[in-house]
Amino acid sequence: MGPWKYVAAGRAPGGPKASPWAREGATALLYHLGDDPGETRDVLDRHPDVADRLSKLLNRYRERGSSRPMP
């Protein structure tokens, strides 16, 4: 969303295994793509409010089964 990329570290596409790019023990990762397009610096600790908002949005999308409104 905007310049932010939120990664739920415990969920990888295709299964429940940890994402390979997640740091050891991380529950999630947050990147500011405008400042770090290579996704090398996790800024979740500095922006917990953004991570919380994006986590809730991701959970809503998962519950609905889609990020787009369905007819």
PDB file of N, CA and C in Angstrom:
ATOM      1  N   MET A   1       0.854  -1.172   0.000  1.00  0.00           N
ATOM      2  CA  MET A   1       0.000   0.000   0.000  1.00  0.00           C
ATOM      3  C   MET A   1       0.897   1.230   0.000  1.00  0.00           C
ATOM      4  N   GLY A   2       0.750   2.029  -1.022  1.00  0.00           N
ATOM      5  CA  GLY A   2       1.610   3.204  -1.128  1.00  0.00           C
ATOM      6  C   GLY A   2       3.066   2.772  -1.144  1.00  0.00           C
ATOM      7  N   PRO A   3       3.918   3.399  -0.348  1.00  0.00           N
ATOM      8  CA  PRO A   3       5.320   3.029  -0.343  1.00  0.00           C
ATOM      9  C   PRO A   3       5.639   1.834   0.557  1.00  0.00           C
ATOM     10  N   TRP A   4       4.618   1.284   1.226  1.00  0.00           N
ATOM     11  CA  TRP A   4       4.843   0.234   2.219  1.00  0.00           C
ATOM     12  C   TRP A   4       4.648  -1.159   1.653  1.00  0.00           C
ATOM     13  N   LYS A   5       5.491  -2.085   2.098  1.00  0.00           N
ATOM     14  CA  LYS A   5       5.306  -3.507   1.796  1.00  0.00           C
ATOM     15  C   LYS A   5       5.353  -4.259   3.117  1.00  0.00           C
ATOM     16  N   TYR A   6       4.254  -4.936   3.416  1.00  0.00           N
ATOM     17  CA  TYR A   6       4.129  -5.732   4.640  1.00  0.00           C
ATOM     18  C   TYR A   6       4.223  -7.201   4.258  1.00  0.00           C
ATOM     19  N   VAL A   7       5.057  -7.960   4.965  1.00  0.00           N
ATOM     20  CA  VAL A   7       5.218  -9.389   4.706  1.00  0.00           C
ATOM     21  C   VAL A   7       4.916 -10.134   6.001  1.00  0.00           C
ATOM     22  N   ALA A   8       3.870 -10.960   5.964  1.00  0.00           N
ATOM     23  CA  ALA A   8       3.566 -11.827   7.096  1.00  0.00           C
ATOM     24  C   ALA A   8       4.542 -12.995   7.016  1.00  0.00           C
ATOM     25  N   ALA A   9       5.569 -13.002   7.844  1.00  0.00           N
ATOM     26  CA  ALA A   9       6.697 -13.915   7.705  1.00  0.00           C
ATOM     27  C   ALA A   9       6.339 -15.380   7.863  1.00  0.00           C
ATOM     28  N   GLY A  10       5.302 -15.685   8.596  1.00  0.00           N
ATOM     29  CA  GLY A  10       4.950 -17.078   8.809  1.00  0.00           C
ATOM     30  C   GLY A  10       4.172 -17.693   7.678  1.00  0.00           C
ATOM     31  N   ARG A  11       3.839 -16.937   6.667  1.00  0.00           N
ATOM     32  CA  ARG A  11       3.012 -17.438   5.564  1.00  0.00           C
ATOM     33  C   ARG A  11       3.747 -17.256   4.240  1.00  0.00           C
ATOM     34  N   ALA A  12       4.058 -18.344   3.595  1.00  0.00           N
ATOM     35  CA  ALA A  12       4.672 -18.283   2.274  1.00  0.00           C
ATOM     36  C   ALA A  12       3.677 -18.815   1.259  1.00  0.00           C
ATOM     37  N   PRO A  13       3.709 -18.321   0.030  1.00  0.00           N
ATOM     38  CA  PRO A  13       2.799 -18.851  -0.987  1.00  0.00           C
ATOM     39  C   PRO A  13       2.960 -20.362  -1.116  1.00  0.00           C
ATOM     40  N   GLY A  14       1.847 -21.067  -1.144  1.00  0.00           N
ATOM     41  CA  GLY A  14       1.880 -22.510  -1.315  1.00  0.00           C
ATOM     42  C   GLY A  14       1.956 -23.308  -0.036  1.00  0.00           C
ATOM     43  N   GLY A  15       1.991 -22.667   1.116  1.00  0.00           N
ATOM     44  CA  GLY A  15       2.024 -23.451   2.346  1.00  0.00           C
ATOM     45  C   GLY A  15       2.361 -22.638   3.563  1.00  0.00           C
ATOM     46  N   PRO A  16       2.318 -23.275   4.729  1.00  0.00           N
ATOM     47  CA  PRO A  16       2.524 -22.556   5.983  1.00  0.00           C
ATOM     48  C   PRO A  16       3.983 -22.385   6.390  1.00  0.00           C
ATOM     49  N   LYS A  17       4.946 -22.832   5.547  1.00  0.00           N
ATOM     50  CA  LYS A  17       6.353 -22.700   5.924  1.00  0.00           C
ATOM     51  C   LYS A  17       6.759 -21.227   5.980  1.00  0.00           C
ATOM     52  N   ALA A  18       7.803 -20.938   6.708  1.00  0.00           N
ATOM     53  CA  ALA A  18       8.272 -19.555   6.843  1.00  0.00           C
ATOM     54  C   ALA A  18       8.814 -19.056   5.518  1.00  0.00           C
ATOM     55  N   SER A  19       8.578 -17.786   5.237  1.00  0.00           N
ATOM     56  CA  SER A  19       9.099 -17.165   4.030  1.00  0.00           C
ATOM     57  C   SER A  19      10.624 -17.197   4.075  1.00  0.00           C
ATOM     58  N   PRO A  20      11.278 -17.511   2.974  1.00  0.00           N
ATOM     59  CA  PRO A  20      12.736 -17.654   3.001  1.00  0.00           C
ATOM     60  C   PRO A  20      13.472 -16.357   3.305  1.00  0.00           C
ATOM     61  N   TRP A  21      12.862 -15.206   3.056  1.00  0.00           N
ATOM     62  CA  TRP A  21      13.527 -13.932   3.293  1.00  0.00           C
ATOM     63  C   TRP A  21      13.293 -13.394   4.712  1.00  0.00           C
ATOM     64  N   ALA A  22      12.481 -14.082   5.499  1.00  0.00           N
ATOM     65  CA  ALA A  22      12.170 -13.609   6.856  1.00  0.00           C
ATOM     66  C   ALA A  22      13.346 -13.867   7.791  1.00  0.00           C
ATOM     67  N   ARG A  23      13.630 -12.920   8.626  1.00  0.00           N
ATOM     68  CA  ARG A  23      14.709 -13.112   9.593  1.00  0.00           C
ATOM     69  C   ARG A  23      14.257 -14.095  10.666  1.00  0.00           C
ATOM     70  N   GLU A  24      15.192 -14.713  11.308  1.00  0.00           N
ATOM     71  CA  GLU A  24      14.914 -15.717  12.336  1.00  0.00           C
ATOM     72  C   GLU A  24      13.999 -15.161  13.424  1.00  0.00           C
ATOM     73  N   GLY A  25      12.879 -15.809  13.646  1.00  0.00           N
ATOM     74  CA  GLY A  25      11.974 -15.432  14.728  1.00  0.00           C
ATOM     75  C   GLY A  25      11.056 -14.260  14.420  1.00  0.00           C
ATOM     76  N   ALA A  26      11.123 -13.687  13.230  1.00  0.00           N
ATOM     77  CA  ALA A  26      10.275 -12.539  12.899  1.00  0.00           C
ATOM     78  C   ALA A  26       8.833 -12.994  12.723  1.00  0.00           C
ATOM     79  N   THR A  27       7.910 -12.181  13.168  1.00  0.00           N
ATOM     80  CA  THR A  27       6.497 -12.464  12.949  1.00  0.00           C
ATOM     81  C   THR A  27       5.996 -11.762  11.698  1.00  0.00           C
ATOM     82  N   ALA A  28       6.680 -10.713  11.286  1.00  0.00           N
ATOM     83  CA  ALA A  28       6.325  -9.961  10.081  1.00  0.00           C
ATOM     84  C   ALA A  28       7.496  -9.048   9.733  1.00  0.00           C
ATOM     85  N   LEU A  29       7.465  -8.553   8.512  1.00  0.00           N
ATOM     86  CA  LEU A  29       8.470  -7.611   8.045  1.00  0.00           C
ATOM     87  C   LEU A  29       7.759  -6.426   7.421  1.00  0.00           C
ATOM     88  N   LEU A  30       8.381  -5.251   7.499  1.00  0.00           N
ATOM     89  CA  LEU A  30       7.818  -4.054   6.900  1.00  0.00           C
ATOM     90  C   LEU A  30       8.934  -3.294   6.198  1.00  0.00           C
ATOM     91  N   TYR A  31       8.685  -2.941   4.928  1.00  0.00           N
ATOM     92  CA  TYR A  31       9.662  -2.190   4.151  1.00  0.00           C
ATOM     93  C   TYR A  31       9.028  -0.906   3.637  1.00  0.00           C
ATOM     94  N   HIS A  32       9.822   0.138   3.551  1.00  0.00           N
ATOM     95  CA  HIS A  32       9.405   1.377   2.898  1.00  0.00           C
ATOM     96  C   HIS A  32      10.106   1.385   1.547  1.00  0.00           C
ATOM     97  N   LEU A  33       9.349   1.067   0.493  1.00  0.00           N
ATOM     98  CA  LEU A  33       9.937   0.879  -0.824  1.00  0.00           C
ATOM     99  C   LEU A  33      10.479   2.157  -1.432  1.00  0.00           C
ATOM    100  N   GLY A  34       9.980   3.301  -0.995  1.00  0.00           N
ATOM    101  CA  GLY A  34      10.522   4.564  -1.492  1.00  0.00           C
ATOM    102  C   GLY A  34      11.940   4.798  -1.012  1.00  0.00           C
ATOM    103  N   ASP A  35      12.229   4.386   0.215  1.00  0.00           N
ATOM    104  CA  ASP A  35      13.561   4.554   0.797  1.00  0.00           C
ATOM    105  C   ASP A  35      14.451   3.339   0.572  1.00  0.00           C
ATOM    106  N   ASP A  36      13.829   2.162   0.374  1.00  0.00           N
ATOM    107  CA  ASP A  36      14.569   0.905   0.318  1.00  0.00           C
ATOM    108  C   ASP A  36      13.959  -0.022  -0.729  1.00  0.00           C
ATOM    109  N   PRO A  37      14.108   0.299  -2.011  1.00  0.00           N
ATOM    110  CA  PRO A  37      13.470  -0.518  -3.041  1.00  0.00           C
ATOM    111  C   PRO A  37      14.003  -1.951  -3.103  1.00  0.00           C
ATOM    112  N   GLY A  38      15.190  -2.186  -2.563  1.00  0.00           N
ATOM    113  CA  GLY A  38      15.756  -3.527  -2.551  1.00  0.00           C
ATOM    114  C   GLY A  38      15.289  -4.384  -1.388  1.00  0.00           C
ATOM    115  N   GLU A  39      14.446  -3.820  -0.530  1.00  0.00           N
ATOM    116  CA  GLU A  39      13.890  -4.528   0.633  1.00  0.00           C
ATOM    117  C   GLU A  39      14.987  -5.139   1.501  1.00  0.00           C
ATOM    118  N   THR A  40      15.920  -4.300   1.913  1.00  0.00           N
ATOM    119  CA  THR A  40      17.037  -4.771   2.728  1.00  0.00           C
ATOM    120  C   THR A  40      16.930  -4.355   4.193  1.00  0.00           C
ATOM    121  N   ARG A  41      16.025  -3.403   4.519  1.00  0.00           N
ATOM    122  CA  ARG A  41      15.914  -2.904   5.890  1.00  0.00           C
ATOM    123  C   ARG A  41      14.484  -3.033   6.402  1.00  0.00           C
ATOM    124  N   ASP A  42      14.295  -3.932   7.334  1.00  0.00           N
ATOM    125  CA  ASP A  42      12.997  -4.098   7.983  1.00  0.00           C
ATOM    126  C   ASP A  42      12.796  -2.916   8.935  1.00  0.00           C
ATOM    127  N   VAL A  43      11.703  -2.165   8.760  1.00  0.00           N
ATOM    128  CA  VAL A  43      11.447  -0.979   9.583  1.00  0.00           C
ATOM    129  C   VAL A  43      10.215  -1.162  10.475  1.00  0.00           C
ATOM    130  N   LEU A  44       9.801  -2.395  10.687  1.00  0.00           N
ATOM    131  CA  LEU A  44       8.611  -2.658  11.488  1.00  0.00           C
ATOM    132  C   LEU A  44       8.731  -2.061  12.892  1.00  0.00           C
ATOM    133  N   ASP A  45       9.894  -2.179  13.509  1.00  0.00           N
ATOM    134  CA  ASP A  45      10.073  -1.654  14.866  1.00  0.00           C
ATOM    135  C   ASP A  45       9.878  -0.140  14.939  1.00  0.00           C
ATOM    136  N   ARG A  46      10.155   0.562  13.847  1.00  0.00           N
ATOM    137  CA  ARG A  46      10.010   2.017  13.834  1.00  0.00           C
ATOM    138  C   ARG A  46       8.617   2.474  13.411  1.00  0.00           C
ATOM    139  N   HIS A  47       7.838   1.564  12.811  1.00  0.00           N
ATOM    140  CA  HIS A  47       6.509   1.928  12.309  1.00  0.00           C
ATOM    141  C   HIS A  47       5.468   0.855  12.660  1.00  0.00           C
ATOM    142  N   PRO A  48       5.304   0.550  13.948  1.00  0.00           N
ATOM    143  CA  PRO A  48       4.358  -0.498  14.330  1.00  0.00           C
ATOM    144  C   PRO A  48       2.911  -0.154  13.961  1.00  0.00           C
ATOM    145  N   ASP A  49       2.583   1.128  13.905  1.00  0.00           N
ATOM    146  CA  ASP A  49       1.229   1.535  13.530  1.00  0.00           C
ATOM    147  C   ASP A  49       0.919   1.172  12.082  1.00  0.00           C
ATOM    148  N   VAL A  50       1.890   1.361  11.194  1.00  0.00           N
ATOM    149  CA  VAL A  50       1.708   1.004   9.784  1.00  0.00           C
ATOM    150  C   VAL A  50       1.583  -0.510   9.656  1.00  0.00           C
ATOM    151  N   ALA A  51       2.446  -1.243  10.351  1.00  0.00           N
ATOM    152  CA  ALA A  51       2.398  -2.702  10.301  1.00  0.00           C
ATOM    153  C   ALA A  51       1.065  -3.226  10.816  1.00  0.00           C
ATOM    154  N   ASP A  52       0.555  -2.644  11.875  1.00  0.00           N
ATOM    155  CA  ASP A  52      -0.729  -3.068  12.429  1.00  0.00           C
ATOM    156  C   ASP A  52      -1.858  -2.822  11.431  1.00  0.00           C
ATOM    157  N   ARG A  53      -1.856  -1.661  10.814  1.00  0.00           N
ATOM    158  CA  ARG A  53      -2.892  -1.333   9.828  1.00  0.00           C
ATOM    159  C   ARG A  53      -2.846  -2.285   8.634  1.00  0.00           C
ATOM    160  N   LEU A  54      -1.631  -2.567   8.134  1.00  0.00           N
ATOM    161  CA  LEU A  54      -1.507  -3.453   6.980  1.00  0.00           C
ATOM    162  C   LEU A  54      -1.798  -4.907   7.340  1.00  0.00           C
ATOM    163  N   SER A  55      -1.463  -5.305   8.549  1.00  0.00           N
ATOM    164  CA  SER A  55      -1.785  -6.656   9.015  1.00  0.00           C
ATOM    165  C   SER A  55      -3.299  -6.862   9.052  1.00  0.00           C
ATOM    166  N   LYS A  56      -4.004  -5.890   9.581  1.00  0.00           N
ATOM    167  CA  LYS A  56      -5.466  -5.978   9.638  1.00  0.00           C
ATOM    168  C   LYS A  56      -6.067  -6.015   8.232  1.00  0.00           C
ATOM    169  N   LEU A  57      -5.520  -5.220   7.329  1.00  0.00           N
ATOM    170  CA  LEU A  57      -5.999  -5.208   5.959  1.00  0.00           C
ATOM    171  C   LEU A  57      -5.754  -6.569   5.290  1.00  0.00           C
ATOM    172  N   LEU A  58      -4.569  -7.133   5.480  1.00  0.00           N
ATOM    173  CA  LEU A  58      -4.253  -8.439   4.921  1.00  0.00           C
ATOM    174  C   LEU A  58      -5.207  -9.506   5.460  1.00  0.00           C
ATOM    175  N   ASN A  59      -5.477  -9.481   6.756  1.00  0.00           N
ATOM    176  CA  ASN A  59      -6.405 -10.449   7.343  1.00  0.00           C
ATOM    177  C   ASN A  59      -7.808 -10.304   6.769  1.00  0.00           C
ATOM    178  N   ARG A  60      -8.244  -9.076   6.538  1.00  0.00           N
ATOM    179  CA  ARG A  60      -9.555  -8.845   5.919  1.00  0.00           C
ATOM    180  C   ARG A  60      -9.601  -9.449   4.519  1.00  0.00           C
ATOM    181  N   TYR A  61      -8.536  -9.239   3.745  1.00  0.00           N
ATOM    182  CA  TYR A  61      -8.471  -9.797   2.396  1.00  0.00           C
ATOM    183  C   TYR A  61      -8.490 -11.323   2.435  1.00  0.00           C
ATOM    184  N   ARG A  62      -7.759 -11.901   3.373  1.00  0.00           N
ATOM    185  CA  ARG A  62      -7.736 -13.364   3.485  1.00  0.00           C
ATOM    186  C   ARG A  62      -9.115 -13.906   3.845  1.00  0.00           C
ATOM    187  N   GLU A  63      -9.790 -13.242   4.756  1.00  0.00           N
ATOM    188  CA  GLU A  63     -11.139 -13.686   5.158  1.00  0.00           C
ATOM    189  C   GLU A  63     -12.119 -13.610   3.994  1.00  0.00           C
ATOM    190  N   ARG A  64     -12.002 -12.559   3.191  1.00  0.00           N
ATOM    191  CA  ARG A  64     -12.878 -12.368   2.034  1.00  0.00           C
ATOM    192  C   ARG A  64     -12.483 -13.253   0.862  1.00  0.00           C
ATOM    193  N   GLY A  65     -11.228 -13.661   0.822  1.00  0.00           N
ATOM    194  CA  GLY A  65     -10.739 -14.465  -0.287  1.00  0.00           C
ATOM    195  C   GLY A  65     -10.267 -13.637  -1.466  1.00  0.00           C
ATOM    196  N   SER A  66     -10.257 -12.305  -1.312  1.00  0.00           N
ATOM    197  CA  SER A  66      -9.868 -11.439  -2.413  1.00  0.00           C
ATOM    198  C   SER A  66      -9.596 -10.027  -1.903  1.00  0.00           C
ATOM    199  N   SER A  67      -8.758  -9.312  -2.619  1.00  0.00           N
ATOM    200  CA  SER A  67      -8.518  -7.897  -2.270  1.00  0.00           C
ATOM    201  C   SER A  67      -9.396  -6.986  -3.107  1.00  0.00           C
ATOM    202  N   ARG A  68     -10.122  -7.562  -4.062  1.00  0.00           N
ATOM    203  CA  ARG A  68     -10.996  -6.773  -4.928  1.00  0.00           C
ATOM    204  C   ARG A  68     -12.452  -7.101  -4.614  1.00  0.00           C
ATOM    205  N   PRO A  69     -13.324  -6.119  -4.690  1.00  0.00           N
ATOM    206  CA  PRO A  69     -14.738  -6.401  -4.478  1.00  0.00           C
ATOM    207  C   PRO A  69     -15.247  -7.403  -5.518  1.00  0.00           C
ATOM    208  N   MET A  70     -16.005  -8.357  -5.051  1.00  0.00           N
ATOM    209  CA  MET A  70     -16.561  -9.366  -5.958  1.00  0.00           C
ATOM    210  C   MET A  70     -18.034  -9.064  -6.217  1.00  0.00           C
ATOM    211  N   PRO A  71     -18.500  -9.303  -7.455  1.00  0.00           N
ATOM    212  CA  PRO A  71     -19.909  -9.013  -7.792  1.00  0.00           C
ATOM    213  C   PRO A  71     -20.865  -9.947  -7.068  1.00  0.00           C
TER     214      PRO A  71
END
